[in-house]
Amino acid sequence: WYCVEQQVRMNRPESADGVLRVWLDGRRIFEKTDLRLRKIDRLR
């Protein structure tokens, strides 16, 4: 058994500041803080 956890924070529509973090068994193994998931506020 492995514990996988993912965090997503939406970017501000005018910025590339979205966040994706991933933990495996409580240890953070991946982080990206320059995501652009949307250009409009309606997408959440």
All heavy atoms as atom14 arrays in JSON, in Angstrom:
{
  "sequence": "WYCVEQQVRMNRPESADGVLRVWLDGRRIFEKTDLRLRKIDRLR",
  "atom14_mask": [
    [1, 1, 1, 1, 1, 1, 1, 1, 1, 1, 1, 1, 1, 1],
    [1, 1, 1, 1, 1, 1, 1, 1, 1, 1, 1, 1, 0, 0],
    [1, 1, 1, 1, 1, 1, 0, 0, 0, 0, 0, 0, 0, 0],
    [1, 1, 1, 1, 1, 1, 1, 0, 0, 0, 0, 0, 0, 0],
    [1, 1, 1, 1, 1, 1, 1, 1, 1, 0, 0, 0, 0, 0],
    [1, 1, 1, 1, 1, 1, 1, 1, 1, 0, 0, 0, 0, 0],
    [1, 1, 1, 1, 1, 1, 1, 1, 1, 0, 0, 0, 0, 0],
    [1, 1, 1, 1, 1, 1, 1, 0, 0, 0, 0, 0, 0, 0],
    [1, 1, 1, 1, 1, 1, 1, 1, 1, 1, 1, 0, 0, 0],
    [1, 1, 1, 1, 1, 1, 1, 1, 0, 0, 0, 0, 0, 0],
    [1, 1, 1, 1, 1, 1, 1, 1, 0, 0, 0, 0, 0, 0],
    [1, 1, 1, 1, 1, 1, 1, 1, 1, 1, 1, 0, 0, 0],
    [1, 1, 1, 1, 1, 1, 1, 0, 0, 0, 0, 0, 0, 0],
    [1, 1, 1, 1, 1, 1, 1, 1, 1, 0, 0, 0, 0, 0],
    [1, 1, 1, 1, 1, 1, 0, 0, 0, 0, 0, 0, 0, 0],
    [1, 1, 1, 1, 1, 0, 0, 0, 0, 0, 0, 0, 0, 0],
    [1, 1, 1, 1, 1, 1, 1, 1, 0, 0, 0, 0, 0, 0],
    [1, 1, 1, 1, 0, 0, 0, 0, 0, 0, 0, 0, 0, 0],
    [1, 1, 1, 1, 1, 1, 1, 0, 0, 0, 0, 0, 0, 0],
    [1, 1, 1, 1, 1, 1, 1, 1, 0, 0, 0, 0, 0, 0],
    [1, 1, 1, 1, 1, 1, 1, 1, 1, 1, 1, 0, 0, 0],
    [1, 1, 1, 1, 1, 1, 1, 0, 0, 0, 0, 0, 0, 0],
    [1, 1, 1, 1, 1, 1, 1, 1, 1, 1, 1, 1, 1, 1],
    [1, 1, 1, 1, 1, 1, 1, 1, 0, 0, 0, 0, 0, 0],
    [1, 1, 1, 1, 1, 1, 1, 1, 0, 0, 0, 0, 0, 0],
    [1, 1, 1, 1, 0, 0, 0, 0, 0, 0, 0, 0, 0, 0],
    [1, 1, 1, 1, 1, 1, 1, 1, 1, 1, 1, 0, 0, 0],
    [1, 1, 1, 1, 1, 1, 1, 1, 1, 1, 1, 0, 0, 0],
    [1, 1, 1, 1, 1, 1, 1, 1, 0, 0, 0, 0, 0, 0],
    [1, 1, 1, 1, 1, 1, 1, 1, 1, 1, 1, 0, 0, 0],
    [1, 1, 1, 1, 1, 1, 1, 1, 1, 0, 0, 0, 0, 0],
    [1, 1, 1, 1, 1, 1, 1, 1, 1, 0, 0, 0, 0, 0],
    [1, 1, 1, 1, 1, 1, 1, 0, 0, 0, 0, 0, 0, 0],
    [1, 1, 1, 1, 1, 1, 1, 1, 0, 0, 0, 0, 0, 0],
    [1, 1, 1, 1, 1, 1, 1, 1, 0, 0, 0, 0, 0, 0],
    [1, 1, 1, 1, 1, 1, 1, 1, 1, 1, 1, 0, 0, 0],
    [1, 1, 1, 1, 1, 1, 1, 1, 0, 0, 0, 0, 0, 0],
    [1, 1, 1, 1, 1, 1, 1, 1, 1, 1, 1, 0, 0, 0],
    [1, 1, 1, 1, 1, 1, 1, 1, 1, 0, 0, 0, 0, 0],
    [1, 1, 1, 1, 1, 1, 1, 1, 0, 0, 0, 0, 0, 0],
    [1, 1, 1, 1, 1, 1, 1, 1, 0, 0, 0, 0, 0, 0],
    [1, 1, 1, 1, 1, 1, 1, 1, 1, 1, 1, 0, 0, 0],
    [1, 1, 1, 1, 1, 1, 1, 1, 0, 0, 0, 0, 0, 0],
    [1, 1, 1, 1, 1, 1, 1, 1, 1, 1, 1, 0, 0, 0]
  ],
  "atom14_positions": [
    [[0.83, -1.2, 0.0], [0.0, 0.0, 0.0], [0.87, 1.25, 0.0], [1.85, 1.33, 0.74], [-0.91, 0.03, 1.22], [-2.07, -0.91, 1.15], [-2.23, -2.09, 1.82], [-3.27, -0.72, 0.38], [-3.44, -2.66, 1.5], [-4.1, -1.84, 0.62], [-3.71, 0.27, -0.49], [-5.35, -1.99, 0.02], [-4.96, 0.12, -1.1], [-5.76, -0.99, -0.83]],
    [[0.49, 2.24, -0.83], [1.14, 3.55, -0.87], [0.08, 4.64, -0.67], [-1.04, 4.52, -1.19], [1.82, 3.78, -2.22], [3.01, 2.91, -2.49], [2.86, 1.67, -3.09], [4.3, 3.34, -2.17], [3.97, 0.86, -3.36], [5.41, 2.53, -2.43], [5.23, 1.3, -3.02], [6.31, 0.51, -3.29], [0.0, 0.0, 0.0], [0.0, 0.0, 0.0]],
    [[0.46, 5.69, 0.02], [-0.41, 6.85, 0.22], [-0.01, 7.94, -0.78], [1.12, 8.42, -0.76], [-0.28, 7.38, 1.64], [-1.27, 8.85, 1.99], [0.0, 0.0, 0.0], [0.0, 0.0, 0.0], [0.0, 0.0, 0.0], [0.0, 0.0, 0.0], [0.0, 0.0, 0.0], [0.0, 0.0, 0.0], [0.0, 0.0, 0.0], [0.0, 0.0, 0.0]],
    [[-0.94, 8.31, -1.65], [-0.71, 9.37, -2.65], [-1.64, 10.54, -2.33], [-2.84, 10.35, -2.12], [-1.0, 8.86, -4.07], [-0.84, 9.99, -5.09], [-0.11, 7.69, -4.43], [0.0, 0.0, 0.0], [0.0, 0.0, 0.0], [0.0, 0.0, 0.0], [0.0, 0.0, 0.0], [0.0, 0.0, 0.0], [0.0, 0.0, 0.0], [0.0, 0.0, 0.0]],
    [[-1.09, 11.74, -2.26], [-1.91, 12.92, -2.03], [-1.51, 14.02, -3.02], [-0.31, 14.26, -3.23], [-1.77, 13.43, -0.6], [-2.67, 14.62, -0.3], [-2.86, 14.89, 1.19], [-2.49, 14.01, 2.01], [-3.38, 15.97, 1.53], [0.0, 0.0, 0.0], [0.0, 0.0, 0.0], [0.0, 0.0, 0.0], [0.0, 0.0, 0.0], [0.0, 0.0, 0.0]],
    [[-2.51, 14.67, -3.61], [-2.29, 15.74, -4.58], [-3.02, 17.0, -4.12], [-4.17, 16.93, -3.67], [-2.81, 15.31, -5.96], [-2.09, 14.1, -6.52], [-2.86, 13.44, -7.65], [-2.78, 13.86, -8.79], [-3.62, 12.41, -7.33], [0.0, 0.0, 0.0], [0.0, 0.0, 0.0], [0.0, 0.0, 0.0], [0.0, 0.0, 0.0], [0.0, 0.0, 0.0]],
    [[-2.34, 18.11, -4.24], [-2.91, 19.43, -3.96], [-2.94, 20.22, -5.25], [-1.95, 20.27, -5.99], [-2.06, 20.18, -2.93], [-2.47, 21.64, -2.73], [-1.39, 22.47, -2.05], [-0.26, 21.99, -1.87], [-1.7, 23.69, -1.67], [0.0, 0.0, 0.0], [0.0, 0.0, 0.0], [0.0, 0.0, 0.0], [0.0, 0.0, 0.0], [0.0, 0.0, 0.0]],
    [[-4.08, 20.87, -5.53], [-4.18, 21.8, -6.66], [-4.71, 23.13, -6.14], [-5.7, 23.16, -5.4], [-5.11, 21.26, -7.75], [-5.34, 22.33, -8.82], [-4.52, 20.0, -8.39], [0.0, 0.0, 0.0], [0.0, 0.0, 0.0], [0.0, 0.0, 0.0], [0.0, 0.0, 0.0], [0.0, 0.0, 0.0], [0.0, 0.0, 0.0], [0.0, 0.0, 0.0]],
    [[-4.03, 24.2, -6.51], [-4.52, 25.56, -6.25], [-4.61, 26.26, -7.59], [-3.64, 26.33, -8.34], [-3.58, 26.31, -5.31], [-4.08, 27.73, -4.97], [-3.03, 28.51, -4.19], [-2.63, 27.78, -2.99], [-1.41, 27.88, -2.44], [-0.48, 28.64, -3.0], [-1.13, 27.2, -1.35], [0.0, 0.0, 0.0], [0.0, 0.0, 0.0], [0.0, 0.0, 0.0]],
    [[-5.77, 26.78, -7.9], [-5.97, 27.45, -9.19], [-5.13, 28.72, -9.29], [-4.9, 29.41, -8.3], [-7.45, 27.81, -9.37], [-8.39, 26.62, -9.37], [-8.1, 25.43, -10.69], [-8.5, 26.41, -12.15], [0.0, 0.0, 0.0], [0.0, 0.0, 0.0], [0.0, 0.0, 0.0], [0.0, 0.0, 0.0], [0.0, 0.0, 0.0], [0.0, 0.0, 0.0]],
    [[-4.67, 29.01, -10.5], [-3.97, 30.26, -10.74], [-4.94, 31.43, -10.81], [-6.14, 31.25, -11.09], [-3.18, 30.19, -12.05], [-4.08, 30.02, -13.27], [-4.67, 28.95, -13.44], [-4.19, 31.06, -14.1], [0.0, 0.0, 0.0], [0.0, 0.0, 0.0], [0.0, 0.0, 0.0], [0.0, 0.0, 0.0], [0.0, 0.0, 0.0], [0.0, 0.0, 0.0]],
    [[-4.44, 32.63, -10.53], [-5.22, 33.83, -10.83], [-5.33, 33.93, -12.36], [-4.35, 33.65, -13.07], [-4.52, 35.07, -10.26], [-4.53, 35.12, -8.74], [-3.71, 36.27, -8.23], [-2.28, 36.05, -8.5], [-1.33, 36.94, -8.22], [-1.63, 38.1, -7.68], [-0.06, 36.66, -8.51], [0.0, 0.0, 0.0], [0.0, 0.0, 0.0], [0.0, 0.0, 0.0]],
    [[-6.49, 34.29, -12.88], [-6.68, 34.25, -14.33], [-5.64, 35.02, -15.13], [-5.34, 34.65, -16.27], [-8.09, 34.85, -14.51], [-8.8, 34.49, -13.25], [-7.76, 34.61, -12.17], [0.0, 0.0, 0.0], [0.0, 0.0, 0.0], [0.0, 0.0, 0.0], [0.0, 0.0, 0.0], [0.0, 0.0, 0.0], [0.0, 0.0, 0.0], [0.0, 0.0, 0.0]],
    [[-5.06, 36.06, -14.54], [-4.09, 36.88, -15.28], [-2.65, 36.43, -15.03], [-1.72, 37.04, -15.59], [-4.23, 38.36, -14.86], [-3.79, 38.69, -13.45], [-4.8, 38.35, -12.35], [-5.86, 37.77, -12.67], [-4.51, 38.68, -11.19], [0.0, 0.0, 0.0], [0.0, 0.0, 0.0], [0.0, 0.0, 0.0], [0.0, 0.0, 0.0], [0.0, 0.0, 0.0]],
    [[-2.44, 35.36, -14.24], [-1.09, 34.97, -13.84], [-0.86, 33.47, -14.0], [-1.79, 32.69, -13.99], [-0.84, 35.35, -12.37], [-1.03, 36.74, -12.15], [0.0, 0.0, 0.0], [0.0, 0.0, 0.0], [0.0, 0.0, 0.0], [0.0, 0.0, 0.0], [0.0, 0.0, 0.0], [0.0, 0.0, 0.0], [0.0, 0.0, 0.0], [0.0, 0.0, 0.0]],
    [[0.41, 33.11, -14.12], [0.8, 31.7, -14.14], [1.32, 31.36, -12.75], [2.53, 31.18, -12.54], [1.86, 31.44, -15.2], [0.0, 0.0, 0.0], [0.0, 0.0, 0.0], [0.0, 0.0, 0.0], [0.0, 0.0, 0.0], [0.0, 0.0, 0.0], [0.0, 0.0, 0.0], [0.0, 0.0, 0.0], [0.0, 0.0, 0.0], [0.0, 0.0, 0.0]],
    [[0.41, 31.26, -11.77], [0.81, 31.02, -10.39], [0.0, 29.89, -9.75], [-0.11, 29.81, -8.53], [0.7, 32.3, -9.55], [-0.71, 32.89, -9.53], [-1.62, 32.31, -10.17], [-0.91, 33.92, -8.87], [0.0, 0.0, 0.0], [0.0, 0.0, 0.0], [0.0, 0.0, 0.0], [0.0, 0.0, 0.0], [0.0, 0.0, 0.0], [0.0, 0.0, 0.0]],
    [[-0.54, 28.99, -10.58], [-1.22, 27.82, -10.06], [-0.23, 26.85, -9.44], [0.96, 26.84, -9.78], [0.0, 0.0, 0.0], [0.0, 0.0, 0.0], [0.0, 0.0, 0.0], [0.0, 0.0, 0.0], [0.0, 0.0, 0.0], [0.0, 0.0, 0.0], [0.0, 0.0, 0.0], [0.0, 0.0, 0.0], [0.0, 0.0, 0.0], [0.0, 0.0, 0.0]],
    [[-0.73, 26.0, -8.55], [0.13, 25.1, -7.77], [-0.35, 23.66, -7.9], [-1.54, 23.37, -7.82], [0.14, 25.51, -6.28], [0.88, 24.48, -5.44], [0.75, 26.89, -6.11], [0.0, 0.0, 0.0], [0.0, 0.0, 0.0], [0.0, 0.0, 0.0], [0.0, 0.0, 0.0], [0.0, 0.0, 0.0], [0.0, 0.0, 0.0], [0.0, 0.0, 0.0]],
    [[0.61, 22.76, -8.11], [0.39, 21.33, -7.99], [1.48, 20.77, -7.09], [2.67, 20.96, -7.36], [0.44, 20.64, -9.35], [0.46, 19.1, -9.33], [-0.84, 18.54, -8.75], [0.72, 18.54, -10.72], [0.0, 0.0, 0.0], [0.0, 0.0, 0.0], [0.0, 0.0, 0.0], [0.0, 0.0, 0.0], [0.0, 0.0, 0.0], [0.0, 0.0, 0.0]],
    [[1.06, 20.1, -6.02], [2.01, 19.4, -5.14], [1.56, 17.96, -4.98], [0.37, 17.67, -4.98], [2.11, 20.08, -3.77], [2.71, 21.47, -3.81], [2.98, 22.01, -2.41], [3.58, 23.34, -2.47], [2.9, 24.47, -2.3], [1.59, 24.44, -2.05], [3.51, 25.64, -2.38], [0.0, 0.0, 0.0], [0.0, 0.0, 0.0], [0.0, 0.0, 0.0]],
    [[2.53, 17.07, -4.82], [2.25, 15.64, -4.66], [3.09, 15.1, -3.51], [4.28, 15.41, -3.41], [2.56, 14.86, -5.95], [2.25, 13.38, -5.77], [1.79, 15.42, -7.14], [0.0, 0.0, 0.0], [0.0, 0.0, 0.0], [0.0, 0.0, 0.0], [0.0, 0.0, 0.0], [0.0, 0.0, 0.0], [0.0, 0.0, 0.0], [0.0, 0.0, 0.0]],
    [[2.45, 14.3, -2.65], [3.13, 13.61, -1.56], [2.97, 12.1, -1.75], [1.92, 11.62, -2.15], [2.52, 13.97, -0.21], [2.74, 15.38, 0.23], [3.67, 15.84, 1.1], [1.95, 16.54, -0.13], [3.54, 17.2, 1.29], [2.49, 17.66, 0.54], [0.85, 16.74, -0.98], [1.97, 18.93, 0.42], [0.33, 18.01, -1.11], [0.89, 19.1, -0.42]],
    [[4.02, 11.36, -1.44], [3.98, 9.9, -1.43], [4.38, 9.44, -0.04], [5.48, 9.73, 0.43], [4.94, 9.33, -2.48], [4.94, 7.81, -2.61], [3.62, 7.31, -3.19], [6.1, 7.33, -3.48], [0.0, 0.0, 0.0], [0.0, 0.0, 0.0], [0.0, 0.0, 0.0], [0.0, 0.0, 0.0], [0.0, 0.0, 0.0], [0.0, 0.0, 0.0]],
    [[3.44, 8.76, 0.62], [3.66, 8.31, 2.0], [4.1, 9.46, 2.9], [4.98, 9.3, 3.77], [4.68, 7.17, 2.05], [4.14, 5.88, 1.43], [2.9, 5.72, 1.37], [4.96, 5.03, 1.01], [0.0, 0.0, 0.0], [0.0, 0.0, 0.0], [0.0, 0.0, 0.0], [0.0, 0.0, 0.0], [0.0, 0.0, 0.0], [0.0, 0.0, 0.0]],
    [[3.51, 10.63, 2.69], [3.77, 11.78, 3.53], [4.99, 12.6, 3.16], [5.28, 13.61, 3.81], [0.0, 0.0, 0.0], [0.0, 0.0, 0.0], [0.0, 0.0, 0.0], [0.0, 0.0, 0.0], [0.0, 0.0, 0.0], [0.0, 0.0, 0.0], [0.0, 0.0, 0.0], [0.0, 0.0, 0.0], [0.0, 0.0, 0.0], [0.0, 0.0, 0.0]],
    [[5.72, 12.2, 2.14], [6.92, 12.92, 1.7], [6.62, 13.64, 0.4], [6.18, 13.02, -0.57], [8.08, 11.95, 1.5], [9.38, 12.59, 1.08], [10.51, 11.57, 1.09], [10.28, 10.49, 0.15], [10.7, 10.51, -1.12], [11.35, 11.56, -1.6], [10.47, 9.47, -1.91], [0.0, 0.0, 0.0], [0.0, 0.0, 0.0], [0.0, 0.0, 0.0]],
    [[6.85, 14.96, 0.38], [6.57, 15.73, -0.84], [7.6, 15.38, -1.9], [8.81, 15.52, -1.68], [6.58, 17.23, -0.56], [6.03, 18.04, -1.73], [5.74, 19.46, -1.32], [6.95, 20.23, -1.11], [6.99, 21.42, -0.53], [5.89, 21.98, -0.08], [8.14, 22.06, -0.38], [0.0, 0.0, 0.0], [0.0, 0.0, 0.0], [0.0, 0.0, 0.0]],
    [[7.1, 14.93, -3.06], [7.99, 14.47, -4.12], [7.89, 15.29, -5.4], [8.72, 15.15, -6.29], [7.73, 12.98, -4.45], [6.27, 12.77, -4.87], [8.11, 12.09, -3.27], [5.99, 11.39, -5.43], [0.0, 0.0, 0.0], [0.0, 0.0, 0.0], [0.0, 0.0, 0.0], [0.0, 0.0, 0.0], [0.0, 0.0, 0.0], [0.0, 0.0, 0.0]],
    [[6.88, 16.15, -5.48], [6.7, 16.95, -6.71], [6.06, 18.28, -6.35], [5.13, 18.33, -5.51], [5.82, 16.21, -7.71], [5.64, 16.93, -9.02], [6.54, 16.77, -10.05], [4.56, 17.78, -9.22], [6.39, 17.43, -11.27], [4.39, 18.45, -10.43], [5.31, 18.27, -11.45], [0.0, 0.0, 0.0], [0.0, 0.0, 0.0], [0.0, 0.0, 0.0]],
    [[6.54, 19.34, -6.97], [5.94, 20.67, -6.77], [6.11, 21.48, -8.05], [7.19, 21.54, -8.63], [6.6, 21.39, -5.6], [6.03, 22.79, -5.36], [6.67, 23.47, -4.16], [7.89, 23.76, -4.23], [5.96, 23.7, -3.17], [0.0, 0.0, 0.0], [0.0, 0.0, 0.0], [0.0, 0.0, 0.0], [0.0, 0.0, 0.0], [0.0, 0.0, 0.0]],
    [[5.01, 22.09, -8.47], [5.04, 23.02, -9.61], [4.2, 24.22, -9.22], [3.03, 24.07, -8.84], [4.48, 22.34, -10.86], [4.68, 23.12, -12.15], [4.34, 22.27, -13.36], [4.47, 23.03, -14.67], [5.83, 23.55, -14.91], [0.0, 0.0, 0.0], [0.0, 0.0, 0.0], [0.0, 0.0, 0.0], [0.0, 0.0, 0.0], [0.0, 0.0, 0.0]],
    [[4.78, 25.41, -9.28], [4.1, 26.61, -8.77], [3.9, 27.67, -9.84], [3.61, 28.82, -9.52], [4.91, 27.21, -7.59], [6.23, 27.55, -8.05], [5.01, 26.23, -6.44], [0.0, 0.0, 0.0], [0.0, 0.0, 0.0], [0.0, 0.0, 0.0], [0.0, 0.0, 0.0], [0.0, 0.0, 0.0], [0.0, 0.0, 0.0], [0.0, 0.0, 0.0]],
    [[4.05, 27.29, -11.11], [3.89, 28.25, -12.21], [2.83, 27.77, -13.21], [2.91, 28.05, -14.4], [5.22, 28.47, -12.92], [5.81, 27.19, -13.51], [5.26, 26.1, -13.23], [6.83, 27.29, -14.23], [0.0, 0.0, 0.0], [0.0, 0.0, 0.0], [0.0, 0.0, 0.0], [0.0, 0.0, 0.0], [0.0, 0.0, 0.0], [0.0, 0.0, 0.0]],
    [[1.83, 27.08, -12.7], [0.8, 26.52, -13.57], [-0.18, 27.57, -14.06], [-0.56, 28.48, -13.32], [0.0, 25.46, -12.8], [0.5, 24.02, -12.84], [-0.33, 23.18, -11.9], [0.41, 23.47, -14.25], [0.0, 0.0, 0.0], [0.0, 0.0, 0.0], [0.0, 0.0, 0.0], [0.0, 0.0, 0.0], [0.0, 0.0, 0.0], [0.0, 0.0, 0.0]],
    [[-0.59, 27.42, -15.31], [-1.69, 28.23, -15.85], [-2.78, 27.24, -16.28], [-2.71, 26.61, -17.34], [-1.23, 29.06, -17.05], [-2.22, 30.16, -17.44], [-1.88, 30.78, -18.8], [-0.48, 31.15, -18.88], [-0.01, 32.36, -18.53], [-0.83, 33.27, -18.07], [1.28, 32.63, -18.64], [0.0, 0.0, 0.0], [0.0, 0.0, 0.0], [0.0, 0.0, 0.0]],
    [[-3.79, 27.1, -15.44], [-4.9, 26.21, -15.72], [-6.07, 26.93, -16.37], [-6.89, 26.31, -17.04], [-5.38, 25.54, -14.43], [-4.34, 24.64, -13.72], [-4.89, 24.2, -12.37], [-3.99, 23.45, -14.58], [0.0, 0.0, 0.0], [0.0, 0.0, 0.0], [0.0, 0.0, 0.0], [0.0, 0.0, 0.0], [0.0, 0.0, 0.0], [0.0, 0.0, 0.0]],
    [[-6.14, 28.24, -16.15], [-7.29, 29.01, -16.65], [-6.89, 30.44, -16.99], [-5.89, 30.96, -16.49], [-8.38, 29.05, -15.58], [-7.93, 29.75, -14.31], [-9.0, 29.82, -13.26], [-8.49, 30.5, -12.07], [-9.19, 30.71, -10.97], [-10.46, 30.31, -10.89], [-8.66, 31.34, -9.93], [0.0, 0.0, 0.0], [0.0, 0.0, 0.0], [0.0, 0.0, 0.0]],
    [[-7.72, 31.04, -17.84], [-7.59, 32.46, -18.17], [-8.84, 33.22, -17.78], [-8.9, 34.45, -17.94], [-7.32, 32.64, -19.67], [-6.01, 32.01, -20.13], [-5.83, 32.15, -21.63], [-4.54, 31.49, -22.08], [-4.36, 31.56, -23.57], [0.0, 0.0, 0.0], [0.0, 0.0, 0.0], [0.0, 0.0, 0.0], [0.0, 0.0, 0.0], [0.0, 0.0, 0.0]],
    [[-9.85, 32.49, -17.28], [-11.1, 33.09, -16.84], [-11.47, 32.54, -15.46], [-11.15, 31.39, -15.13], [-12.25, 32.8, -17.84], [-12.43, 31.3, -18.04], [-12.0, 33.51, -19.16], [-13.63, 30.95, -18.9], [0.0, 0.0, 0.0], [0.0, 0.0, 0.0], [0.0, 0.0, 0.0], [0.0, 0.0, 0.0], [0.0, 0.0, 0.0], [0.0, 0.0, 0.0]],
    [[-12.12, 33.35, -14.66], [-12.43, 32.98, -13.28], [-13.42, 31.83, -13.19], [-13.46, 31.1, -12.19], [-12.98, 34.21, -12.54], [-13.23, 33.93, -11.08], [-12.25, 33.73, -10.34], [-14.41, 33.87, -10.67], [0.0, 0.0, 0.0], [0.0, 0.0, 0.0], [0.0, 0.0, 0.0], [0.0, 0.0, 0.0], [0.0, 0.0, 0.0], [0.0, 0.0, 0.0]],
    [[-14.23, 31.62, -14.2], [-15.31, 30.62, -14.16], [-14.77, 29.21, -13.99], [-15.45, 28.35, -13.41], [-16.15, 30.72, -15.43], [-17.28, 29.71, -15.52], [-18.09, 29.9, -16.79], [-17.28, 29.79, -17.98], [-16.9, 28.63, -18.53], [-17.26, 27.49, -17.98], [-16.16, 28.61, -19.63], [0.0, 0.0, 0.0], [0.0, 0.0, 0.0], [0.0, 0.0, 0.0]],
    [[-13.58, 28.93, -14.49], [-13.0, 27.6, -14.34], [-12.42, 27.46, -12.94], [-11.57, 28.24, -12.52], [-11.88, 27.38, -15.37], [-12.27, 27.41, -16.85], [-11.07, 27.06, -17.7], [-13.43, 26.48, -17.14], [0.0, 0.0, 0.0], [0.0, 0.0, 0.0], [0.0, 0.0, 0.0], [0.0, 0.0, 0.0], [0.0, 0.0, 0.0], [0.0, 0.0, 0.0]],
    [[-12.9, 26.42, -12.24], [-12.41, 26.14, -10.89], [-12.15, 24.65, -10.75], [-11.97, 23.95, -11.74], [-13.42, 26.66, -9.86], [-13.65, 28.17, -10.0], [-14.31, 28.78, -8.82], [-14.42, 30.22, -8.99], [-14.73, 31.07, -8.02], [-14.97, 30.6, -6.79], [-14.8, 32.36, -8.25], [0.0, 0.0, 0.0], [0.0, 0.0, 0.0], [0.0, 0.0, 0.0]]
  ]
}
